[in-house]
């Protein structure tokens, strides 16, 4: 008999080989309690496995057909981020660093949040669901993400409408705060456009 391929061995061991594009669809269908998923035209009832962790994401439960295993293995379904203020913060970084992934929260604000909540500055994956809830409630008190972006845009729009000096600089795409423009200022002006016959 011909030797078994890796794919055949994995299938016998209860692993389901799913292409990367189908992984999200497959995971959601199994977690939702669907009895089987369709792969390559055939229906298979093999379970998808998830990594065991104290932190299971935002209220993510191991549903019907999901086996939970201790050590992380290649190709298995794993929770990699927690959701705080609608943003996925990294799971393997400490809370202070992870919070800075939210637009509007820097190092100082992150330290302040951890101090106020009284939480330990441990890795996000080590937080219990109750601790994450406390963290989310504190973060929601700040002007962040979409609200902050909107606030900034409205301020710039107001400056443009009243045609003040700063507003005109915004319209022209030039530095607003008195920086030199004969040289430098490339961030605002963009890439150098060579003009023929400019030098005298």
N, C-alpha and C. Protein backbone atom coordinates (compact mmCIF):
# COMPACT_ATOMS: atom_id res chain seq x y z
N UNK A 1 0.83 -1.21 0.00
CA UNK A 1 0.00 0.00 0.00
C UNK A 1 0.87 1.26 0.00
N UNK A 2 0.33 2.34 -0.62
CA UNK A 2 1.08 3.60 -0.68
C UNK A 2 1.10 4.27 0.70
N UNK A 3 2.23 4.94 1.04
CA UNK A 3 2.27 5.62 2.35
C UNK A 3 1.24 6.75 2.42
N UNK A 4 0.73 6.98 3.63
CA UNK A 4 -0.29 8.03 3.82
C UNK A 4 0.31 9.42 3.65
N UNK A 5 -0.49 10.30 3.09
CA UNK A 5 -0.06 11.71 2.99
C UNK A 5 -0.36 12.40 4.32
N UNK A 6 0.26 13.56 4.50
CA UNK A 6 0.02 14.35 5.73
C UNK A 6 -1.45 14.70 5.86
N UNK A 7 -2.08 15.03 4.71
CA UNK A 7 -3.50 15.39 4.72
C UNK A 7 -4.35 14.24 5.22
N UNK A 8 -4.05 13.01 4.76
CA UNK A 8 -4.82 11.84 5.19
C UNK A 8 -4.63 11.55 6.68
N UNK A 9 -3.38 11.70 7.14
CA UNK A 9 -3.09 11.48 8.56
C UNK A 9 -3.86 12.46 9.44
N UNK A 10 -3.84 13.76 9.03
CA UNK A 10 -4.54 14.80 9.81
C UNK A 10 -6.05 14.55 9.83
N UNK A 11 -6.58 14.06 8.70
CA UNK A 11 -8.01 13.78 8.62
C UNK A 11 -8.40 12.67 9.59
N UNK A 12 -7.55 11.63 9.69
CA UNK A 12 -7.81 10.51 10.59
C UNK A 12 -7.72 10.93 12.06
N UNK A 13 -6.82 11.87 12.34
CA UNK A 13 -6.64 12.33 13.71
C UNK A 13 -7.75 13.27 14.17
N UNK A 14 -8.65 13.62 13.27
CA UNK A 14 -9.78 14.48 13.64
C UNK A 14 -9.58 15.93 13.30
N UNK A 15 -8.46 16.26 12.66
CA UNK A 15 -8.24 17.63 12.21
C UNK A 15 -8.94 17.83 10.89
N UNK A 16 -9.43 19.05 10.67
CA UNK A 16 -10.08 19.37 9.40
C UNK A 16 -9.23 20.38 8.66
N UNK A 17 -8.74 20.01 7.50
CA UNK A 17 -7.92 20.94 6.72
C UNK A 17 -8.85 21.86 5.93
N UNK A 18 -8.86 23.14 6.32
CA UNK A 18 -9.72 24.12 5.65
C UNK A 18 -8.83 25.21 5.08
N UNK A 19 -9.01 25.60 3.81
CA UNK A 19 -8.22 26.72 3.27
C UNK A 19 -8.43 27.97 4.11
N UNK A 20 -7.40 28.85 4.14
CA UNK A 20 -7.43 30.06 4.98
C UNK A 20 -8.67 30.90 4.74
N UNK A 21 -9.10 31.05 3.46
CA UNK A 21 -10.27 31.88 3.13
C UNK A 21 -11.54 31.34 3.78
N UNK A 22 -11.60 29.99 3.92
CA UNK A 22 -12.82 29.38 4.44
C UNK A 22 -12.82 29.25 5.95
N UNK A 23 -11.65 29.53 6.60
CA UNK A 23 -11.53 29.28 8.04
C UNK A 23 -12.56 30.06 8.84
N UNK A 24 -12.74 31.37 8.52
CA UNK A 24 -13.68 32.21 9.27
C UNK A 24 -15.12 31.70 9.11
N UNK A 25 -15.49 31.35 7.88
CA UNK A 25 -16.84 30.86 7.60
C UNK A 25 -17.07 29.56 8.33
N UNK A 26 -16.05 28.67 8.26
CA UNK A 26 -16.17 27.36 8.89
C UNK A 26 -16.30 27.50 10.40
N UNK A 27 -15.45 28.35 10.98
CA UNK A 27 -15.46 28.53 12.44
C UNK A 27 -16.80 29.07 12.90
N UNK A 28 -17.31 30.08 12.20
CA UNK A 28 -18.57 30.69 12.62
C UNK A 28 -19.73 29.71 12.51
N UNK A 29 -19.72 28.87 11.47
CA UNK A 29 -20.82 27.93 11.28
C UNK A 29 -20.83 26.86 12.35
N UNK A 30 -19.61 26.41 12.77
CA UNK A 30 -19.54 25.38 13.80
C UNK A 30 -19.90 25.96 15.15
N UNK A 31 -19.36 27.19 15.44
CA UNK A 31 -19.65 27.82 16.73
C UNK A 31 -21.14 28.12 16.85
N UNK A 32 -21.76 28.49 15.71
CA UNK A 32 -23.20 28.79 15.73
C UNK A 32 -24.04 27.55 15.97
N UNK A 33 -23.42 26.35 15.90
CA UNK A 33 -24.15 25.12 16.19
C UNK A 33 -24.55 24.35 14.96
N UNK A 34 -23.99 24.71 13.77
CA UNK A 34 -24.31 23.97 12.55
C UNK A 34 -23.69 22.57 12.66
N UNK A 35 -24.41 21.50 12.27
CA UNK A 35 -23.90 20.13 12.46
C UNK A 35 -22.71 19.80 11.58
N UNK A 36 -22.57 20.46 10.42
CA UNK A 36 -21.46 20.13 9.51
C UNK A 36 -21.16 21.33 8.64
N UNK A 37 -19.97 21.31 8.00
CA UNK A 37 -19.63 22.38 7.07
C UNK A 37 -19.27 21.78 5.72
N UNK A 38 -19.44 22.55 4.69
CA UNK A 38 -19.22 22.05 3.34
C UNK A 38 -17.82 22.43 2.89
N UNK A 39 -17.01 21.46 2.54
CA UNK A 39 -15.65 21.70 2.07
C UNK A 39 -15.44 20.93 0.78
N UNK A 40 -15.09 21.65 -0.29
CA UNK A 40 -14.79 20.99 -1.57
C UNK A 40 -15.94 20.17 -2.11
N UNK A 41 -17.18 20.63 -1.92
CA UNK A 41 -18.34 19.94 -2.49
C UNK A 41 -18.89 18.84 -1.59
N UNK A 42 -18.16 18.44 -0.52
CA UNK A 42 -18.64 17.36 0.34
C UNK A 42 -18.87 17.89 1.75
N UNK A 43 -19.91 17.39 2.41
CA UNK A 43 -20.20 17.83 3.79
C UNK A 43 -19.41 16.99 4.76
N UNK A 44 -18.72 17.67 5.71
CA UNK A 44 -17.91 16.95 6.69
C UNK A 44 -18.34 17.37 8.10
N UNK A 45 -18.37 16.41 9.01
CA UNK A 45 -18.80 16.70 10.37
C UNK A 45 -17.62 16.82 11.33
N UNK A 46 -16.38 16.81 10.80
CA UNK A 46 -15.21 16.88 11.67
C UNK A 46 -15.18 18.21 12.41
N UNK A 47 -14.85 18.20 13.72
CA UNK A 47 -14.90 19.44 14.51
C UNK A 47 -13.70 20.34 14.27
N UNK A 48 -13.90 21.63 14.49
CA UNK A 48 -12.79 22.59 14.50
C UNK A 48 -12.38 22.75 15.95
N UNK A 49 -11.07 22.82 16.20
CA UNK A 49 -10.59 22.88 17.57
C UNK A 49 -10.19 24.30 17.93
N UNK A 50 -10.41 24.68 19.18
CA UNK A 50 -10.06 26.03 19.64
C UNK A 50 -9.08 25.93 20.79
N UNK A 51 -8.25 26.95 20.94
CA UNK A 51 -7.25 26.98 21.99
C UNK A 51 -7.92 27.27 23.34
N UNK A 52 -7.55 26.48 24.36
CA UNK A 52 -8.09 26.72 25.69
C UNK A 52 -7.42 27.93 26.29
N UNK A 53 -8.19 28.82 26.90
CA UNK A 53 -7.64 30.03 27.48
C UNK A 53 -8.62 30.58 28.48
N UNK A 54 -8.09 31.25 29.51
CA UNK A 54 -8.97 31.93 30.47
C UNK A 54 -9.75 33.00 29.73
N UNK A 55 -9.04 33.66 28.80
CA UNK A 55 -9.68 34.69 27.98
C UNK A 55 -10.20 34.07 26.70
N UNK A 56 -11.52 34.09 26.49
CA UNK A 56 -12.11 33.51 25.28
C UNK A 56 -12.71 34.59 24.39
N UNK A 57 -12.11 35.78 24.38
CA UNK A 57 -12.64 36.87 23.54
C UNK A 57 -13.81 37.53 24.23
N UNK A 58 -14.57 38.31 23.49
CA UNK A 58 -15.71 39.03 24.07
C UNK A 58 -16.93 38.12 24.10
N UNK A 59 -17.07 37.40 25.22
CA UNK A 59 -18.22 36.51 25.40
C UNK A 59 -18.22 35.33 24.44
N UNK A 60 -17.03 34.94 23.92
CA UNK A 60 -16.99 33.81 22.98
C UNK A 60 -17.03 32.52 23.76
N UNK A 61 -18.02 31.69 23.49
CA UNK A 61 -18.16 30.40 24.17
C UNK A 61 -17.80 29.28 23.19
N UNK A 62 -17.28 28.18 23.73
CA UNK A 62 -17.01 27.02 22.89
C UNK A 62 -18.34 26.34 22.62
N UNK A 63 -18.83 26.46 21.39
CA UNK A 63 -20.16 25.96 21.04
C UNK A 63 -20.15 24.50 20.64
N UNK A 64 -21.26 24.07 20.07
CA UNK A 64 -21.44 22.68 19.65
C UNK A 64 -20.42 22.31 18.58
N UNK A 65 -19.75 21.19 18.77
CA UNK A 65 -18.80 20.70 17.77
C UNK A 65 -17.42 21.32 17.88
N UNK A 66 -17.18 22.16 18.92
CA UNK A 66 -15.86 22.77 19.09
C UNK A 66 -15.13 22.07 20.22
N UNK A 67 -13.96 21.50 19.93
CA UNK A 67 -13.15 20.87 20.95
C UNK A 67 -12.14 21.88 21.45
N UNK A 68 -11.99 21.97 22.77
CA UNK A 68 -11.03 22.92 23.35
C UNK A 68 -9.81 22.15 23.82
N UNK A 69 -8.63 22.54 23.34
CA UNK A 69 -7.39 21.86 23.69
C UNK A 69 -6.45 22.82 24.39
N UNK A 70 -5.56 22.29 25.22
CA UNK A 70 -4.62 23.12 25.97
C UNK A 70 -3.57 23.79 25.11
N UNK A 71 -2.54 23.04 24.66
CA UNK A 71 -1.46 23.69 23.91
C UNK A 71 -1.92 24.15 22.53
N UNK A 72 -1.43 25.32 22.09
CA UNK A 72 -1.78 25.84 20.77
C UNK A 72 -1.07 25.03 19.71
N UNK A 73 -1.79 24.66 18.66
CA UNK A 73 -1.19 23.91 17.56
C UNK A 73 -1.40 24.66 16.26
N UNK A 74 -0.52 24.39 15.31
CA UNK A 74 -0.57 25.08 14.03
C UNK A 74 -1.88 24.79 13.31
N UNK A 75 -2.51 25.82 12.78
CA UNK A 75 -3.71 25.65 11.97
C UNK A 75 -5.00 25.58 12.76
N UNK A 76 -4.92 25.71 14.10
CA UNK A 76 -6.15 25.61 14.90
C UNK A 76 -6.75 27.00 15.11
N UNK A 77 -8.04 27.02 15.43
CA UNK A 77 -8.76 28.28 15.68
C UNK A 77 -8.31 28.85 17.01
N UNK A 78 -7.79 30.09 17.01
CA UNK A 78 -7.33 30.73 18.23
C UNK A 78 -7.89 32.13 18.34
N UNK A 79 -8.14 32.59 19.58
CA UNK A 79 -8.60 33.95 19.79
C UNK A 79 -7.35 34.81 19.99
N UNK A 80 -7.12 35.81 19.14
CA UNK A 80 -5.88 36.58 19.16
C UNK A 80 -6.06 38.00 19.67
N UNK A 81 -7.28 38.47 19.88
CA UNK A 81 -7.47 39.87 20.28
C UNK A 81 -8.76 40.04 21.07
N UNK A 82 -8.73 41.02 21.97
CA UNK A 82 -9.94 41.40 22.72
C UNK A 82 -10.50 42.66 22.07
N UNK A 83 -11.81 42.86 22.18
CA UNK A 83 -12.43 44.06 21.62
C UNK A 83 -12.69 45.07 22.72
N UNK A 84 -12.07 46.24 22.57
CA UNK A 84 -12.28 47.34 23.51
C UNK A 84 -12.61 48.57 22.67
N UNK A 85 -13.73 49.19 22.93
CA UNK A 85 -14.20 50.38 22.20
C UNK A 85 -14.29 50.10 20.70
N UNK A 86 -14.70 48.88 20.35
CA UNK A 86 -14.87 48.52 18.93
C UNK A 86 -13.57 48.26 18.20
N UNK A 87 -12.45 48.20 18.94
CA UNK A 87 -11.13 47.96 18.32
C UNK A 87 -10.56 46.67 18.88
N UNK A 88 -9.95 45.85 18.03
CA UNK A 88 -9.31 44.63 18.49
C UNK A 88 -7.91 44.97 19.00
N UNK A 89 -7.72 44.87 20.32
CA UNK A 89 -6.40 45.15 20.88
C UNK A 89 -5.64 43.83 20.99
N UNK A 90 -4.31 43.83 20.79
CA UNK A 90 -3.55 42.57 20.75
C UNK A 90 -3.61 41.80 22.06
N UNK A 91 -3.66 40.50 21.92
CA UNK A 91 -3.87 39.58 23.03
C UNK A 91 -2.60 39.33 23.83
N UNK A 92 -1.43 39.44 23.17
CA UNK A 92 -0.17 39.01 23.79
C UNK A 92 0.64 40.18 24.36
N UNK A 93 0.07 41.40 24.35
CA UNK A 93 0.78 42.56 24.92
C UNK A 93 0.17 42.93 26.26
N UNK A 94 0.95 43.65 27.07
CA UNK A 94 0.44 44.09 28.36
C UNK A 94 -0.63 45.17 28.16
N UNK A 95 -1.52 45.29 29.14
CA UNK A 95 -2.71 46.16 29.01
C UNK A 95 -2.36 47.59 28.61
N UNK A 96 -1.34 48.18 29.25
CA UNK A 96 -0.97 49.57 28.97
C UNK A 96 -0.59 49.75 27.51
N UNK A 97 0.19 48.82 26.98
CA UNK A 97 0.62 48.90 25.58
C UNK A 97 -0.54 48.61 24.64
N UNK A 98 -1.34 47.60 24.97
CA UNK A 98 -2.47 47.19 24.12
C UNK A 98 -3.50 48.31 23.97
N UNK A 99 -3.73 49.07 25.03
CA UNK A 99 -4.73 50.15 24.99
C UNK A 99 -4.35 51.26 24.02
N UNK A 100 -3.04 51.43 23.77
CA UNK A 100 -2.60 52.49 22.84
C UNK A 100 -2.98 52.19 21.40
N UNK A 101 -3.48 50.98 21.11
CA UNK A 101 -3.95 50.63 19.77
C UNK A 101 -5.31 51.29 19.49
N UNK A 102 -5.94 51.83 20.53
CA UNK A 102 -7.21 52.56 20.36
C UNK A 102 -6.87 54.00 20.01
N UNK A 103 -7.45 54.53 18.92
CA UNK A 103 -7.19 55.91 18.50
C UNK A 103 -7.70 56.87 19.57
N UNK A 104 -6.80 57.72 20.08
CA UNK A 104 -7.17 58.67 21.12
C UNK A 104 -6.64 58.29 22.48
N UNK A 105 -6.03 57.10 22.59
CA UNK A 105 -5.43 56.68 23.86
C UNK A 105 -3.93 56.50 23.66
N UNK A 106 -3.14 57.31 24.36
CA UNK A 106 -1.68 57.22 24.31
C UNK A 106 -1.15 56.58 25.57
N UNK A 107 0.17 56.66 25.77
CA UNK A 107 0.79 56.03 26.94
C UNK A 107 0.27 56.61 28.26
N UNK A 108 0.16 57.94 28.33
CA UNK A 108 -0.27 58.59 29.57
C UNK A 108 -1.70 58.20 29.93
N UNK A 109 -2.59 58.27 28.94
CA UNK A 109 -4.01 57.92 29.19
C UNK A 109 -4.15 56.44 29.55
N UNK A 110 -3.37 55.58 28.89
CA UNK A 110 -3.43 54.14 29.17
C UNK A 110 -3.02 53.86 30.62
N UNK A 111 -1.94 54.52 31.07
CA UNK A 111 -1.50 54.35 32.47
C UNK A 111 -2.57 54.85 33.44
N UNK A 112 -3.19 55.96 33.09
CA UNK A 112 -4.25 56.55 33.93
C UNK A 112 -5.43 55.58 34.05
N UNK A 113 -5.82 54.97 32.93
CA UNK A 113 -6.95 54.03 32.91
C UNK A 113 -6.65 52.82 33.81
N UNK A 114 -5.43 52.28 33.69
CA UNK A 114 -5.04 51.11 34.50
C UNK A 114 -5.05 51.47 35.98
N UNK A 115 -4.56 52.68 36.32
CA UNK A 115 -4.52 53.13 37.72
C UNK A 115 -5.94 53.30 38.29
N UNK A 116 -6.82 53.95 37.52
CA UNK A 116 -8.20 54.21 37.98
C UNK A 116 -8.96 52.90 38.18
N UNK A 117 -8.83 51.98 37.23
CA UNK A 117 -9.57 50.70 37.32
C UNK A 117 -9.00 49.77 38.39
N UNK A 118 -7.72 50.02 38.76
CA UNK A 118 -7.09 49.17 39.77
C UNK A 118 -6.70 47.81 39.24
N UNK A 119 -6.64 47.67 37.92
CA UNK A 119 -6.27 46.38 37.31
C UNK A 119 -4.76 46.23 37.25
N UNK A 120 -4.32 44.99 37.24
CA UNK A 120 -2.88 44.71 37.12
C UNK A 120 -2.48 44.86 35.65
N UNK A 121 -1.28 45.37 35.43
CA UNK A 121 -0.80 45.57 34.06
C UNK A 121 -0.25 44.25 33.50
N UNK A 122 -1.15 43.29 33.31
CA UNK A 122 -0.73 41.98 32.78
C UNK A 122 -1.13 41.86 31.33
N UNK A 123 -0.79 40.75 30.71
CA UNK A 123 -1.11 40.54 29.30
C UNK A 123 -2.62 40.40 29.12
N UNK A 124 -3.13 40.89 28.00
CA UNK A 124 -4.58 40.95 27.76
C UNK A 124 -5.21 39.56 27.82
N UNK A 125 -4.49 38.55 27.33
CA UNK A 125 -5.05 37.18 27.33
C UNK A 125 -5.27 36.63 28.74
N UNK A 126 -4.62 37.24 29.74
CA UNK A 126 -4.74 36.76 31.12
C UNK A 126 -5.92 37.40 31.86
N UNK A 127 -6.58 38.39 31.23
CA UNK A 127 -7.71 39.07 31.87
C UNK A 127 -8.94 38.16 31.89
N UNK A 128 -9.68 38.21 33.00
CA UNK A 128 -10.98 37.54 33.07
C UNK A 128 -12.00 38.44 32.38
N UNK A 129 -13.15 37.87 32.04
CA UNK A 129 -14.20 38.63 31.35
C UNK A 129 -14.69 39.81 32.20
N UNK A 130 -14.74 39.63 33.53
CA UNK A 130 -15.20 40.73 34.42
C UNK A 130 -14.21 41.90 34.36
N UNK A 131 -12.91 41.58 34.34
CA UNK A 131 -11.87 42.62 34.28
C UNK A 131 -11.94 43.38 32.96
N UNK A 132 -12.19 42.65 31.88
CA UNK A 132 -12.33 43.29 30.56
C UNK A 132 -13.53 44.23 30.54
N UNK A 133 -14.61 43.83 31.21
CA UNK A 133 -15.81 44.67 31.27
C UNK A 133 -15.51 45.98 31.99
N UNK A 134 -14.77 45.90 33.10
CA UNK A 134 -14.38 47.10 33.87
C UNK A 134 -13.52 48.00 32.99
N UNK A 135 -12.60 47.40 32.25
CA UNK A 135 -11.69 48.14 31.35
C UNK A 135 -12.49 48.86 30.26
N UNK A 136 -13.44 48.15 29.64
CA UNK A 136 -14.27 48.73 28.57
C UNK A 136 -15.08 49.92 29.09
N UNK A 137 -15.65 49.76 30.28
CA UNK A 137 -16.47 50.84 30.86
C UNK A 137 -15.65 52.11 31.09
N UNK A 138 -14.40 51.95 31.54
CA UNK A 138 -13.52 53.10 31.78
C UNK A 138 -13.10 53.76 30.47
N UNK A 139 -12.77 52.93 29.47
CA UNK A 139 -12.33 53.45 28.16
C UNK A 139 -13.46 54.23 27.49
N UNK A 140 -14.70 53.78 27.68
CA UNK A 140 -15.87 54.44 27.06
C UNK A 140 -16.10 55.86 27.56
N UNK A 141 -15.46 56.24 28.68
CA UNK A 141 -15.62 57.59 29.23
C UNK A 141 -14.82 58.63 28.44
N UNK A 142 -13.88 58.16 27.61
CA UNK A 142 -12.99 59.07 26.86
C UNK A 142 -13.50 59.31 25.45
N UNK A 143 -13.06 60.43 24.87
CA UNK A 143 -13.38 60.74 23.48
C UNK A 143 -12.38 60.00 22.60
N UNK A 144 -12.83 58.95 21.94
CA UNK A 144 -11.90 58.08 21.19
C UNK A 144 -12.50 57.67 19.86
N UNK A 145 -11.64 57.05 19.05
CA UNK A 145 -12.02 56.44 17.77
C UNK A 145 -12.90 57.35 16.90
N UNK A 146 -14.06 56.89 16.44
CA UNK A 146 -14.90 57.61 15.49
C UNK A 146 -15.31 58.99 15.97
N UNK A 147 -15.66 59.09 17.26
CA UNK A 147 -16.08 60.38 17.82
C UNK A 147 -14.95 61.40 17.77
N UNK A 148 -13.73 60.96 18.10
CA UNK A 148 -12.57 61.85 18.08
C UNK A 148 -12.22 62.27 16.65
N UNK A 149 -12.28 61.32 15.72
CA UNK A 149 -12.00 61.64 14.30
C UNK A 149 -13.01 62.68 13.79
N UNK A 150 -14.29 62.47 14.16
CA UNK A 150 -15.34 63.40 13.75
C UNK A 150 -15.11 64.79 14.34
N UNK A 151 -14.73 64.82 15.62
CA UNK A 151 -14.47 66.08 16.33
C UNK A 151 -13.35 66.86 15.63
N UNK A 152 -12.26 66.15 15.28
CA UNK A 152 -11.13 66.80 14.58
C UNK A 152 -11.53 67.31 13.21
N UNK A 153 -12.30 66.50 12.47
CA UNK A 153 -12.74 66.89 11.13
C UNK A 153 -13.64 68.12 11.17
N UNK A 154 -14.54 68.18 12.17
CA UNK A 154 -15.45 69.32 12.30
C UNK A 154 -14.69 70.61 12.62
N UNK A 155 -13.63 70.49 13.44
CA UNK A 155 -12.81 71.66 13.77
C UNK A 155 -12.10 72.20 12.54
N UNK A 156 -11.54 71.29 11.73
CA UNK A 156 -10.83 71.71 10.51
C UNK A 156 -11.83 72.32 9.52
N UNK A 157 -13.01 71.71 9.42
CA UNK A 157 -14.05 72.21 8.52
C UNK A 157 -14.46 73.63 8.90
N UNK A 158 -14.58 73.89 10.22
CA UNK A 158 -14.96 75.22 10.72
C UNK A 158 -13.90 76.25 10.34
N UNK A 159 -12.62 75.89 10.50
CA UNK A 159 -11.53 76.81 10.13
C UNK A 159 -11.57 77.16 8.65
N UNK A 160 -11.88 76.16 7.82
CA UNK A 160 -11.96 76.40 6.37
C UNK A 160 -13.13 77.32 6.02
N UNK A 161 -14.26 77.09 6.68
CA UNK A 161 -15.47 77.87 6.38
C UNK A 161 -15.33 79.35 6.75
N UNK A 162 -14.65 79.63 7.87
CA UNK A 162 -14.52 81.03 8.29
C UNK A 162 -13.35 81.72 7.57
N UNK A 163 -12.64 80.96 6.73
CA UNK A 163 -11.55 81.50 5.90
C UNK A 163 -10.48 82.23 6.71
N UNK A 164 -10.14 81.68 7.88
CA UNK A 164 -9.05 82.25 8.66
C UNK A 164 -7.72 81.75 8.09
N UNK A 165 -6.62 82.27 8.62
CA UNK A 165 -5.30 81.90 8.09
C UNK A 165 -5.08 80.40 8.14
N UNK A 166 -5.37 79.78 9.30
CA UNK A 166 -5.16 78.34 9.44
C UNK A 166 -6.04 77.55 8.48
N UNK A 167 -7.27 78.04 8.29
CA UNK A 167 -8.19 77.38 7.36
C UNK A 167 -7.66 77.41 5.94
N UNK A 168 -7.10 78.58 5.52
CA UNK A 168 -6.54 78.70 4.16
C UNK A 168 -5.34 77.78 3.97
N UNK A 169 -4.54 77.63 5.04
CA UNK A 169 -3.37 76.72 4.96
C UNK A 169 -3.84 75.27 4.81
N UNK A 170 -4.93 74.92 5.48
CA UNK A 170 -5.49 73.57 5.33
C UNK A 170 -5.96 73.36 3.89
N UNK A 171 -6.63 74.35 3.34
CA UNK A 171 -7.15 74.26 1.97
C UNK A 171 -5.99 74.10 0.98
N UNK A 172 -4.91 74.88 1.20
CA UNK A 172 -3.75 74.85 0.29
C UNK A 172 -2.88 73.62 0.50
N UNK A 173 -3.13 72.88 1.58
CA UNK A 173 -2.32 71.68 1.86
C UNK A 173 -0.91 72.04 2.29
N UNK A 174 -0.76 73.14 3.06
CA UNK A 174 0.54 73.60 3.53
C UNK A 174 0.59 73.57 5.06
N UNK A 175 1.80 73.64 5.66
CA UNK A 175 1.88 73.61 7.13
C UNK A 175 1.09 74.75 7.76
N UNK A 176 0.45 74.46 8.89
CA UNK A 176 -0.48 75.40 9.52
C UNK A 176 0.21 76.24 10.60
N UNK A 177 1.29 75.73 11.16
CA UNK A 177 1.84 76.34 12.39
C UNK A 177 3.13 77.14 12.16
N UNK A 178 3.24 77.80 11.01
CA UNK A 178 4.36 78.71 10.79
C UNK A 178 5.68 78.07 10.41
N UNK A 179 5.66 76.79 9.98
CA UNK A 179 6.91 76.16 9.57
C UNK A 179 7.38 76.72 8.23
N UNK A 180 8.68 76.55 7.95
CA UNK A 180 9.22 77.01 6.67
C UNK A 180 8.71 76.12 5.53
N UNK A 181 8.56 76.72 4.35
CA UNK A 181 8.10 75.94 3.18
C UNK A 181 9.04 76.05 1.99
N UNK A 182 10.10 76.92 2.09
CA UNK A 182 11.05 77.01 0.99
C UNK A 182 11.77 75.66 0.82
N UNK A 183 12.14 75.09 1.96
CA UNK A 183 12.65 73.70 1.97
C UNK A 183 11.80 72.93 2.98
N UNK A 184 11.97 71.63 2.99
CA UNK A 184 11.23 70.73 3.90
C UNK A 184 9.70 70.83 3.68
N UNK A 185 8.92 70.62 4.70
CA UNK A 185 7.43 70.60 4.61
C UNK A 185 6.93 69.56 3.64
N UNK A 186 7.69 68.47 3.45
CA UNK A 186 7.30 67.46 2.45
C UNK A 186 6.09 66.65 2.90
N UNK A 187 5.88 66.55 4.19
CA UNK A 187 4.72 65.77 4.67
C UNK A 187 3.43 66.39 4.16
N UNK A 188 3.34 67.72 4.21
CA UNK A 188 2.14 68.41 3.74
C UNK A 188 2.13 68.58 2.22
N UNK A 189 3.29 68.90 1.66
CA UNK A 189 3.33 69.22 0.23
C UNK A 189 3.39 67.98 -0.67
N UNK A 190 3.79 66.85 -0.10
CA UNK A 190 3.89 65.63 -0.90
C UNK A 190 5.24 65.50 -1.59
N UNK A 191 5.30 64.58 -2.52
CA UNK A 191 6.56 64.30 -3.20
C UNK A 191 6.97 65.48 -4.07
N UNK A 192 8.29 65.67 -4.23
CA UNK A 192 8.82 66.81 -5.00
C UNK A 192 8.39 66.70 -6.46
N UNK A 193 7.83 67.80 -6.98
CA UNK A 193 7.46 67.85 -8.40
C UNK A 193 8.47 68.78 -9.08
N UNK A 194 9.26 68.24 -9.95
CA UNK A 194 10.29 69.05 -10.62
C UNK A 194 9.64 69.94 -11.68
N UNK A 195 9.98 71.25 -11.63
CA UNK A 195 9.45 72.20 -12.59
C UNK A 195 10.61 72.68 -13.47
N UNK A 196 10.48 72.59 -14.79
CA UNK A 196 11.55 72.98 -15.71
C UNK A 196 11.74 74.50 -15.71
N UNK A 197 13.02 74.95 -15.72
CA UNK A 197 13.33 76.36 -15.80
C UNK A 197 13.04 77.14 -14.54
N UNK A 198 13.02 76.46 -13.38
CA UNK A 198 12.69 77.11 -12.11
C UNK A 198 13.89 77.90 -11.58
N UNK A 199 15.12 77.31 -11.69
CA UNK A 199 16.33 77.96 -11.15
C UNK A 199 16.71 79.16 -11.97
N UNK A 200 17.22 80.18 -11.29
CA UNK A 200 17.69 81.38 -12.01
C UNK A 200 19.18 81.55 -11.83
